[in-house]
C-alpha atoms as a PDB file:
ATOM      1  CA  UNK A   1      76.772 155.995  62.724  1.00  0.00           C
ATOM      2  CA  UNK A   2      74.061 152.973  64.093  1.00  0.00           C
ATOM      3  CA  UNK A   3      75.050 150.562  61.838  1.00  0.00           C
ATOM      4  CA  UNK A   4      79.226 151.847  61.871  1.00  0.00           C
ATOM      5  CA  UNK A   5      78.873 150.940  65.128  1.00  0.00           C
ATOM      6  CA  UNK A   6      76.506 147.531  64.874  1.00  0.00           C
ATOM      7  CA  UNK A   7      78.980 146.286  62.400  1.00  0.00           C
ATOM      8  CA  UNK A   8      82.026 146.941  64.805  1.00  0.00           C
ATOM      9  CA  UNK A   9      79.990 145.126  67.815  1.00  0.00           C
ATOM     10  CA  UNK A  10      79.821 142.712  64.682  1.00  0.00           C
ATOM     11  CA  UNK A  11      83.655 141.717  64.257  1.00  0.00           C
ATOM     12  CA  UNK A  12      84.109 142.069  67.636  1.00  0.00           C
ATOM     13  CA  UNK A  13      82.207 139.351  68.571  1.00  0.00           C
ATOM     14  CA  UNK A  14      83.407 137.107  65.925  1.00  0.00           C
ATOM     15  CA  UNK A  15      86.920 137.761  67.185  1.00  0.00           C
ATOM     16  CA  UNK A  16      86.189 136.725  70.809  1.00  0.00           C
ATOM     17  CA  UNK A  17      84.741 133.008  68.721  1.00  0.00           C
ATOM     18  CA  UNK A  18      87.586 132.429  67.056  1.00  0.00           C
ATOM     19  CA  UNK A  19      89.817 133.149  70.429  1.00  0.00           C
ATOM     20  CA  UNK A  20      87.901 131.621  72.406  1.00  0.00           C
ATOM     21  CA  UNK A  21      88.391 128.092  69.749  1.00  0.00           C
ATOM     22  CA  UNK A  22      91.483 128.344  70.246  1.00  0.00           C
ATOM     23  CA  UNK A  23      92.232 128.791  72.840  1.00  0.00           C
ATOM     24  CA  UNK A  24      89.800 126.406  75.097  1.00  0.00           C
ATOM     25  CA  UNK A  25      91.168 123.307  73.920  1.00  0.00           C
ATOM     26  CA  UNK A  26      94.578 124.588  74.542  1.00  0.00           C
ATOM     27  CA  UNK A  27      92.957 125.092  77.845  1.00  0.00           C
ATOM     28  CA  UNK A  28      91.216 122.765  78.598  1.00  0.00           C
ATOM     29  CA  UNK A  29      94.683 120.125  77.369  1.00  0.00           C
ATOM     30  CA  UNK A  30      96.154 121.883  80.657  1.00  0.00           C
ATOM     31  CA  UNK A  31      93.699 121.249  82.842  1.00  0.00           C
ATOM     32  CA  UNK A  32      94.053 117.385  82.175  1.00  0.00           C
ATOM     33  CA  UNK A  33      94.337 115.929  79.150  1.00  0.00           C
ATOM     34  CA  UNK A  34      96.623 114.407  78.050  1.00  0.00           C
ATOM     35  CA  UNK A  35      98.417 112.395  74.870  1.00  0.00           C
ATOM     36  CA  UNK A  36     100.202 109.662  73.920  1.00  0.00           C
ATOM     37  CA  UNK A  37     103.470 109.327  72.324  1.00  0.00           C
ATOM     38  CA  UNK A  38     101.675 108.792  68.540  1.00  0.00           C
ATOM     39  CA  UNK A  39      99.785 112.584  69.726  1.00  0.00           C
ATOM     40  CA  UNK A  40      96.733 110.275  70.582  1.00  0.00           C
ATOM     41  CA  UNK A  41      94.313 112.351  73.317  1.00  0.00           C
ATOM     42  CA  UNK A  42      93.791 110.200  76.093  1.00  0.00           C
ATOM     43  CA  UNK A  43      90.369 110.662  77.455  1.00  0.00           C
ATOM     44  CA  UNK A  44      87.138 108.497  78.125  1.00  0.00           C
ATOM     45  CA  UNK A  45      87.218 107.499  74.472  1.00  0.00           C
ATOM     46  CA  UNK A  46      90.822 105.924  74.246  1.00  0.00           C
ATOM     47  CA  UNK A  47      89.496 104.428  77.208  1.00  0.00           C
ATOM     48  CA  UNK A  48      86.787 102.859  75.911  1.00  0.00           C
ATOM     49  CA  UNK A  49      89.543 101.635  73.219  1.00  0.00           C
ATOM     50  CA  UNK A  50      92.168  99.686  75.764  1.00  0.00           C
ATOM     51  CA  UNK A  51      88.629  98.195  77.331  1.00  0.00           C
ATOM     52  CA  UNK A  52      87.856  96.652  73.585  1.00  0.00           C
ATOM     53  CA  UNK A  53      90.904  95.092  73.195  1.00  0.00           C
ATOM     54  CA  UNK A  54      90.758  93.877  76.286  1.00  0.00           C
ATOM     55  CA  UNK A  55      94.440  93.014  76.008  1.00  0.00           C
ATOM     56  CA  UNK A  56      96.874  92.905  78.782  1.00  0.00           C
ATOM     57  CA  UNK A  57      99.585  94.472  77.141  1.00  0.00           C
ATOM     58  CA  UNK A  58      97.334  97.372  77.514  1.00  0.00           C
ATOM     59  CA  UNK A  59      98.293  97.068  81.153  1.00  0.00           C
ATOM     60  CA  UNK A  60     101.213  98.931  81.613  1.00  0.00           C
ATOM     61  CA  UNK A  61      99.768 101.988  79.544  1.00  0.00           C
ATOM     62  CA  UNK A  62      96.498 102.333  82.213  1.00  0.00           C
ATOM     63  CA  UNK A  63      99.147 102.509  85.250  1.00  0.00           C
ATOM     64  CA  UNK A  64     100.124 104.644  83.549  1.00  0.00           C
ATOM     65  CA  UNK A  65      97.261 107.124  82.427  1.00  0.00           C
ATOM     66  CA  UNK A  66      96.266 105.855  85.797  1.00  0.00           C
ATOM     67  CA  UNK A  67      99.046 108.045  87.727  1.00  0.00           C
ATOM     68  CA  UNK A  68      99.609 110.486  85.267  1.00  0.00           C
ATOM     69  CA  UNK A  69      98.017 114.152  85.870  1.00  0.00           C
ATOM     70  CA  UNK A  70      94.907 113.098  83.351  1.00  0.00           C
ATOM     71  CA  UNK A  71      91.823 114.216  84.014  1.00  0.00           C
ATOM     72  CA  UNK A  72      90.226 112.853  86.964  1.00  0.00           C
ATOM     73  CA  UNK A  73      86.797 110.854  85.007  1.00  0.00           C
ATOM     74  CA  UNK A  74      89.930 109.735  83.007  1.00  0.00           C
ATOM     75  CA  UNK A  75      91.637 108.270  85.274  1.00  0.00           C
ATOM     76  CA  UNK A  76      88.913 106.707  87.501  1.00  0.00           C
ATOM     77  CA  UNK A  77      87.659 104.803  84.273  1.00  0.00           C
ATOM     78  CA  UNK A  78      90.778 103.969  83.230  1.00  0.00           C
ATOM     79  CA  UNK A  79      91.346 101.805  87.345  1.00  0.00           C
ATOM     80  CA  UNK A  80      87.719  99.993  86.247  1.00  0.00           C
ATOM     81  CA  UNK A  81      89.076  99.057  82.308  1.00  0.00           C
ATOM     82  CA  UNK A  82      92.962  98.316  84.974  1.00  0.00           C
ATOM     83  CA  UNK A  83      90.860  95.585  87.173  1.00  0.00           C
ATOM     84  CA  UNK A  84      88.458  93.977  84.135  1.00  0.00           C
ATOM     85  CA  UNK A  85      91.429  93.389  81.978  1.00  0.00           C
ATOM     86  CA  UNK A  86      93.507  91.972  84.956  1.00  0.00           C
ATOM     87  CA  UNK A  87      90.621  89.527  85.795  1.00  0.00           C
ATOM     88  CA  UNK A  88      89.833  88.085  82.253  1.00  0.00           C
ATOM     89  CA  UNK A  89      93.244  88.016  81.861  1.00  0.00           C
ATOM     90  CA  UNK A  90      94.181  86.216  84.975  1.00  0.00           C
ATOM     91  CA  UNK A  91      96.563  88.669  85.076  1.00  0.00           C
ATOM     92  CA  UNK A  92      95.859  90.042  88.916  1.00  0.00           C
ATOM     93  CA  UNK A  93      99.144  89.529  91.607  1.00  0.00           C
ATOM     94  CA  UNK A  94     100.009  92.550  90.036  1.00  0.00           C
ATOM     95  CA  UNK A  95      97.308  95.059  89.142  1.00  0.00           C
ATOM     96  CA  UNK A  96      95.975  94.234  92.937  1.00  0.00           C
ATOM     97  CA  UNK A  97      99.731  95.815  94.436  1.00  0.00           C
ATOM     98  CA  UNK A  98      99.287  98.392  91.570  1.00  0.00           C
ATOM     99  CA  UNK A  99      95.090  99.053  93.177  1.00  0.00           C
ATOM    100  CA  UNK A 100      96.213  98.933  96.675  1.00  0.00           C
ATOM    101  CA  UNK A 101      99.097 101.548  97.020  1.00  0.00           C
ATOM    102  CA  UNK A 102      95.931 104.331  94.881  1.00  0.00           C
ATOM    103  CA  UNK A 103      93.635 103.122  97.720  1.00  0.00           C
ATOM    104  CA  UNK A 104      96.441 104.152  99.741  1.00  0.00           C
ATOM    105  CA  UNK A 105      97.882 107.862  98.352  1.00  0.00           C
ATOM    106  CA  UNK A 106      95.444 108.687  95.769  1.00  0.00           C
ATOM    107  CA  UNK A 107      93.790 112.157  96.531  1.00  0.00           C
ATOM    108  CA  UNK A 108      90.820 112.448  94.318  1.00  0.00           C
ATOM    109  CA  UNK A 109      87.352 111.325  96.364  1.00  0.00           C
ATOM    110  CA  UNK A 110      86.454 109.360  93.252  1.00  0.00           C
ATOM    111  CA  UNK A 111      89.611 107.020  92.012  1.00  0.00           C
ATOM    112  CA  UNK A 112      89.825 105.950  95.159  1.00  0.00           C
ATOM    113  CA  UNK A 113      87.012 104.346  95.401  1.00  0.00           C
ATOM    114  CA  UNK A 114      87.011 103.204  91.783  1.00  0.00           C
ATOM    115  CA  UNK A 115      90.208 100.861  92.670  1.00  0.00           C
ATOM    116  CA  UNK A 116      88.521  99.555  96.288  1.00  0.00           C
ATOM    117  CA  UNK A 117      85.724  98.739  94.105  1.00  0.00           C
ATOM    118  CA  UNK A 118      87.959  97.400  91.942  1.00  0.00           C
ATOM    119  CA  UNK A 119      90.097  95.903  94.723  1.00  0.00           C
ATOM    120  CA  UNK A 120      86.638  94.244  96.367  1.00  0.00           C
ATOM    121  CA  UNK A 121      85.828  92.907  92.936  1.00  0.00           C
ATOM    122  CA  UNK A 122      89.002  91.181  92.013  1.00  0.00           C
ATOM    123  CA  UNK A 123      88.900  89.319  95.335  1.00  0.00           C
ATOM    124  CA  UNK A 124      85.110  88.401  94.763  1.00  0.00           C
ATOM    125  CA  UNK A 125      86.611  86.904  91.228  1.00  0.00           C
ATOM    126  CA  UNK A 126      89.849  85.102  92.631  1.00  0.00           C
ATOM    127  CA  UNK A 127      89.341  84.851  96.462  1.00  0.00           C
ATOM    128  CA  UNK A 128      92.662  84.779  98.866  1.00  0.00           C
ATOM    129  CA  UNK A 129      94.190  82.146  99.988  1.00  0.00           C
ATOM    130  CA  UNK A 130      93.810  81.357 103.377  1.00  0.00           C
ATOM    131  CA  UNK A 131      96.276  82.627 105.777  1.00  0.00           C
ATOM    132  CA  UNK A 132      94.502  82.026 108.893  1.00  0.00           C
ATOM    133  CA  UNK A 133      91.789  79.496 110.455  1.00  0.00           C
ATOM    134  CA  UNK A 134      88.701  79.083 112.594  1.00  0.00           C
ATOM    135  CA  UNK A 135      87.940  75.891 115.154  1.00  0.00           C
ATOM    136  CA  UNK A 136      85.123  75.718 117.056  1.00  0.00           C
ATOM    137  CA  UNK A 137      84.699  73.359 119.794  1.00  0.00           C
ATOM    138  CA  UNK A 138      82.201  73.010 124.024  1.00  0.00           C
ATOM    139  CA  UNK A 139      83.067  72.385 127.748  1.00  0.00           C
ATOM    140  CA  UNK A 140      79.776  71.729 129.521  1.00  0.00           C
ATOM    141  CA  UNK A 141      76.699  69.874 129.486  1.00  0.00           C
ATOM    142  CA  UNK A 142      73.969  70.486 126.593  1.00  0.00           C
ATOM    143  CA  UNK A 143      70.487  70.605 128.556  1.00  0.00           C
ATOM    144  CA  UNK A 144      67.416  73.072 128.566  1.00  0.00           C
ATOM    145  CA  UNK A 145      67.982  76.288 131.347  1.00  0.00           C
ATOM    146  CA  UNK A 146      71.911  75.017 131.811  1.00  0.00           C
ATOM    147  CA  UNK A 147      75.212  76.870 129.953  1.00  0.00           C
ATOM    148  CA  UNK A 148      78.099  75.910 128.426  1.00  0.00           C
ATOM    149  CA  UNK A 149      81.678  77.806 127.075  1.00  0.00           C
ATOM    150  CA  UNK A 150      82.274  77.901 123.690  1.00  0.00           C
ATOM    151  CA  UNK A 151      85.883  78.160 122.856  1.00  0.00           C
ATOM    152  CA  UNK A 152      87.011  79.598 119.481  1.00  0.00           C
ATOM    153  CA  UNK A 153      90.132  79.686 118.242  1.00  0.00           C
ATOM    154  CA  UNK A 154      91.716  81.730 116.328  1.00  0.00           C
ATOM    155  CA  UNK A 155      94.874  80.631 113.579  1.00  0.00           C
ATOM    156  CA  UNK A 156      97.124  82.941 111.669  1.00  0.00           C
ATOM    157  CA  UNK A 157     100.298  82.327 109.018  1.00  0.00           C
ATOM    158  CA  UNK A 158     101.055  85.745 109.042  1.00  0.00           C
ATOM    159  CA  UNK A 159     102.136  88.268 111.127  1.00  0.00           C
ATOM    160  CA  UNK A 160      98.442  90.826 112.160  1.00  0.00           C
ATOM    161  CA  UNK A 161      98.047  93.416 113.298  1.00  0.00           C
ATOM    162  CA  UNK A 162      94.771  92.752 114.682  1.00  0.00           C
ATOM    163  CA  UNK A 163      92.723  89.939 114.386  1.00  0.00           C
ATOM    164  CA  UNK A 164      88.660  89.656 115.505  1.00  0.00           C
ATOM    165  CA  UNK A 165      86.805  87.075 116.536  1.00  0.00           C
ATOM    166  CA  UNK A 166      82.882  87.192 117.160  1.00  0.00           C
ATOM    167  CA  UNK A 167      79.583  85.290 116.995  1.00  0.00           C
ATOM    168  CA  UNK A 168      78.168  85.833 114.117  1.00  0.00           C
ATOM    169  CA  UNK A 169      74.765  85.039 114.387  1.00  0.00           C
ATOM    170  CA  UNK A 170      72.683  82.550 115.742  1.00  0.00           C
ATOM    171  CA  UNK A 171      69.827  81.696 113.909  1.00  0.00           C
ATOM    172  CA  UNK A 172      66.913  78.555 115.598  1.00  0.00           C
ATOM    173  CA  UNK A 173      65.981  76.097 112.986  1.00  0.00           C
ATOM    174  CA  UNK A 174      62.201  75.389 113.512  1.00  0.00           C
ATOM    175  CA  UNK A 175      60.287  76.520 116.123  1.00  0.00           C
ATOM    176  CA  UNK A 176      61.428  77.204 119.103  1.00  0.00           C
ATOM    177  CA  UNK A 177      59.220  77.779 121.867  1.00  0.00           C
ATOM    178  CA  UNK A 178      59.512  80.678 124.438  1.00  0.00           C
ATOM    179  CA  UNK A 179      63.583  82.352 124.961  1.00  0.00           C
ATOM    180  CA  UNK A 180      66.134  80.251 122.896  1.00  0.00           C
ATOM    181  CA  UNK A 181      70.326  80.676 123.684  1.00  0.00           C
ATOM    182  CA  UNK A 182      71.944  84.334 124.128  1.00  0.00           C
ATOM    183  CA  UNK A 183      76.006  84.565 123.858  1.00  0.00           C
ATOM    184  CA  UNK A 184      78.373  86.748 125.837  1.00  0.00           C
ATOM    185  CA  UNK A 185      80.346  88.522 125.444  1.00  0.00           C
ATOM    186  CA  UNK A 186      78.533  90.087 122.124  1.00  0.00           C
ATOM    187  CA  UNK A 187      81.054  92.584 120.794  1.00  0.00           C
ATOM    188  CA  UNK A 188      83.956  90.198 118.964  1.00  0.00           C
ATOM    189  CA  UNK A 189      87.666  89.283 120.967  1.00  0.00           C
ATOM    190  CA  UNK A 190      90.035  91.976 119.114  1.00  0.00           C
ATOM    191  CA  UNK A 191      94.208  90.473 119.073  1.00  0.00           C
ATOM    192  CA  UNK A 192      97.017  90.879 117.428  1.00  0.00           C
ATOM    193  CA  UNK A 193      98.044  87.172 115.416  1.00  0.00           C
ATOM    194  CA  UNK A 194     101.838  85.934 115.335  1.00  0.00           C
ATOM    195  CA  UNK A 195     103.108  84.090 112.311  1.00  0.00           C
ATOM    196  CA  UNK A 196     102.110  80.215 113.107  1.00  0.00           C
ATOM    197  CA  UNK A 197     100.335  81.306 116.878  1.00  0.00           C
ATOM    198  CA  UNK A 198      97.154  80.293 118.030  1.00  0.00           C
ATOM    199  CA  UNK A 199      94.741  81.890 120.151  1.00  0.00           C
ATOM    200  CA  UNK A 200      91.461  80.339 122.314  1.00  0.00           C
ATOM    201  CA  UNK A 201      88.954  82.911 122.791  1.00  0.00           C
ATOM    202  CA  UNK A 202      85.350  81.696 125.165  1.00  0.00           C
ATOM    203  CA  UNK A 203      81.843  82.543 124.809  1.00  0.00           C
ATOM    204  CA  UNK A 204      79.600  82.320 127.526  1.00  0.00           C
ATOM    205  CA  UNK A 205      76.334  80.058 126.121  1.00  0.00           C
ATOM    206  CA  UNK A 206      73.260  79.972 127.964  1.00  0.00           C
ATOM    207  CA  UNK A 207      70.727  77.519 126.460  1.00  0.00           C
ATOM    208  CA  UNK A 208      66.979  78.562 127.068  1.00  0.00           C
ATOM    209  CA  UNK A 209      64.051  76.416 125.911  1.00  0.00           C
ATOM    210  CA  UNK A 210      64.782  73.127 124.200  1.00  0.00           C
ATOM    211  CA  UNK A 211      65.262  73.179 119.726  1.00  0.00           C
ATOM    212  CA  UNK A 212      68.366  73.093 117.721  1.00  0.00           C
ATOM    213  CA  UNK A 213      70.575  76.142 116.263  1.00  0.00           C
ATOM    214  CA  UNK A 214      72.661  76.999 113.741  1.00  0.00           C
ATOM    215  CA  UNK A 215      75.860  79.567 115.420  1.00  0.00           C
ATOM    216  CA  UNK A 216      77.801  81.539 112.581  1.00  0.00           C
ATOM    217  CA  UNK A 217      81.584  81.963 114.260  1.00  0.00           C
ATOM    218  CA  UNK A 218      83.357  84.598 113.004  1.00  0.00           C
ATOM    219  CA  UNK A 219      87.339  85.135 112.780  1.00  0.00           C
ATOM    220  CA  UNK A 220      88.114  88.601 110.180  1.00  0.00           C
ATOM    221  CA  UNK A 221      91.878  89.134 109.603  1.00  0.00           C
ATOM    222  CA  UNK A 222      93.242  92.261 109.000  1.00  0.00           C
ATOM    223  CA  UNK A 223      96.064  91.585 106.263  1.00  0.00           C
ATOM    224  CA  UNK A 224      97.051  95.240 105.358  1.00  0.00           C
ATOM    225  CA  UNK A 225      94.847  98.115 105.396  1.00  0.00           C
ATOM    226  CA  UNK A 226      92.970  97.080 102.706  1.00  0.00           C
ATOM    227  CA  UNK A 227      92.506  93.270 103.039  1.00  0.00           C
ATOM    228  CA  UNK A 228      90.819  92.077 105.385  1.00  0.00           C
ATOM    229  CA  UNK A 229      90.170  88.280 105.370  1.00  0.00           C
ATOM    230  CA  UNK A 230      87.196  86.097 107.488  1.00  0.00           C
ATOM    231  CA  UNK A 231      86.742  82.492 108.025  1.00  0.00           C
ATOM    232  CA  UNK A 232      84.139  81.375 108.726  1.00  0.00           C
ATOM    233  CA  UNK A 233      83.156  78.415 110.463  1.00  0.00           C
ATOM    234  CA  UNK A 234      79.012  77.042 111.140  1.00  0.00           C
ATOM    235  CA  UNK A 235      78.757  75.692 114.479  1.00  0.00           C
ATOM    236  CA  UNK A 236      75.005  72.760 115.427  1.00  0.00           C
ATOM    237  CA  UNK A 237      73.951  72.866 119.026  1.00  0.00           C
ATOM    238  CA  UNK A 238      70.954  70.815 119.821  1.00  0.00           C
ATOM    239  CA  UNK A 239      69.188  71.894 123.097  1.00  0.00           C
ATOM    240  CA  UNK A 240      67.080  69.201 124.902  1.00  0.00           C
ATOM    241  CA  UNK A 241      65.221  68.672 128.471  1.00  0.00           C
ATOM    242  CA  UNK A 242      68.218  66.142 130.036  1.00  0.00           C
ATOM    243  CA  UNK A 243      70.532  66.761 126.627  1.00  0.00           C
ATOM    244  CA  UNK A 244      72.408  68.155 123.796  1.00  0.00           C
ATOM    245  CA  UNK A 245      74.354  67.922 121.162  1.00  0.00           C
ATOM    246  CA  UNK A 246      77.219  70.088 119.552  1.00  0.00           C
ATOM    247  CA  UNK A 247      78.301  69.273 115.828  1.00  0.00           C
ATOM    248  CA  UNK A 248      81.370  71.885 113.584  1.00  0.00           C
ATOM    249  CA  UNK A 249      81.309  71.911 109.969  1.00  0.00           C
END
C-alpha cells in the first residue's frame, strides 16, 4: 500500500513539472515578453543583437520596443542602445525628442532614468547650439578696501521661463594674504527672458587685500523641463593698493 502511494505521489509530481514547464513560459510571456513580426522573442538578448549592428535603420524598432509592454529591463536596455546608435550615426535630433517624451511621461523609474542619462550623454557628444549669451562689466574704482559693481547681462534668443545668473566661484590666483574678495548676493538672480530680450543683474564685489582673482560667472537657461543650457564667462580681477584691472575672457 505504501509503495502504491509513493508511486501515485511520483506521478502527480511529474505531472506538475510538465504542467509548470508548459504554463510558466506562457505566463512569463504575458508578463512582459513580446515578439517581433517574425516571431522572435523581444528580450535583452535581442536588444544586444540590435546593439551589435549599430544600424540607424533599427531606430524605429527600438522606439517601438520602448513604447511597448515588453519587460521593463528590456525597455531600459533599448533606451540605452537607442542613444548609442543615435550618437554613433549622428542621427540625434529625432531621438532626443523621443527620449524627452520618455523622460516626461514614463512611469517606470529605471526606464525614465535611462532616458535622462541617455540625453545627458548625447548632449556631451553633441552640445546644444547656444541659445543665449552672457556679458560682464564693472563700474567703480578697483583698489584695496574698495567696492565695485559687477554687471552681468543675460540674453536669450528663445523664450525662457526661467533664467538664472550667478557668480559660481571666486578663486585666488596665487597667494592672497588676509581677506580676499566677497560678493553679494550669494544666491542666483532668477527671472524669465523673452526671445531677443536682455536683462542686467548687479552684484556688489567687496574688495579685500591685494591680489588676483578668477571669477566664474554663469547663466543657466531652462529651455524645457529636461534641458538646461549653461553659459559661462570667466572674469579676471586684479586688486592693487591704489588701482587694479578687470578683464573678461
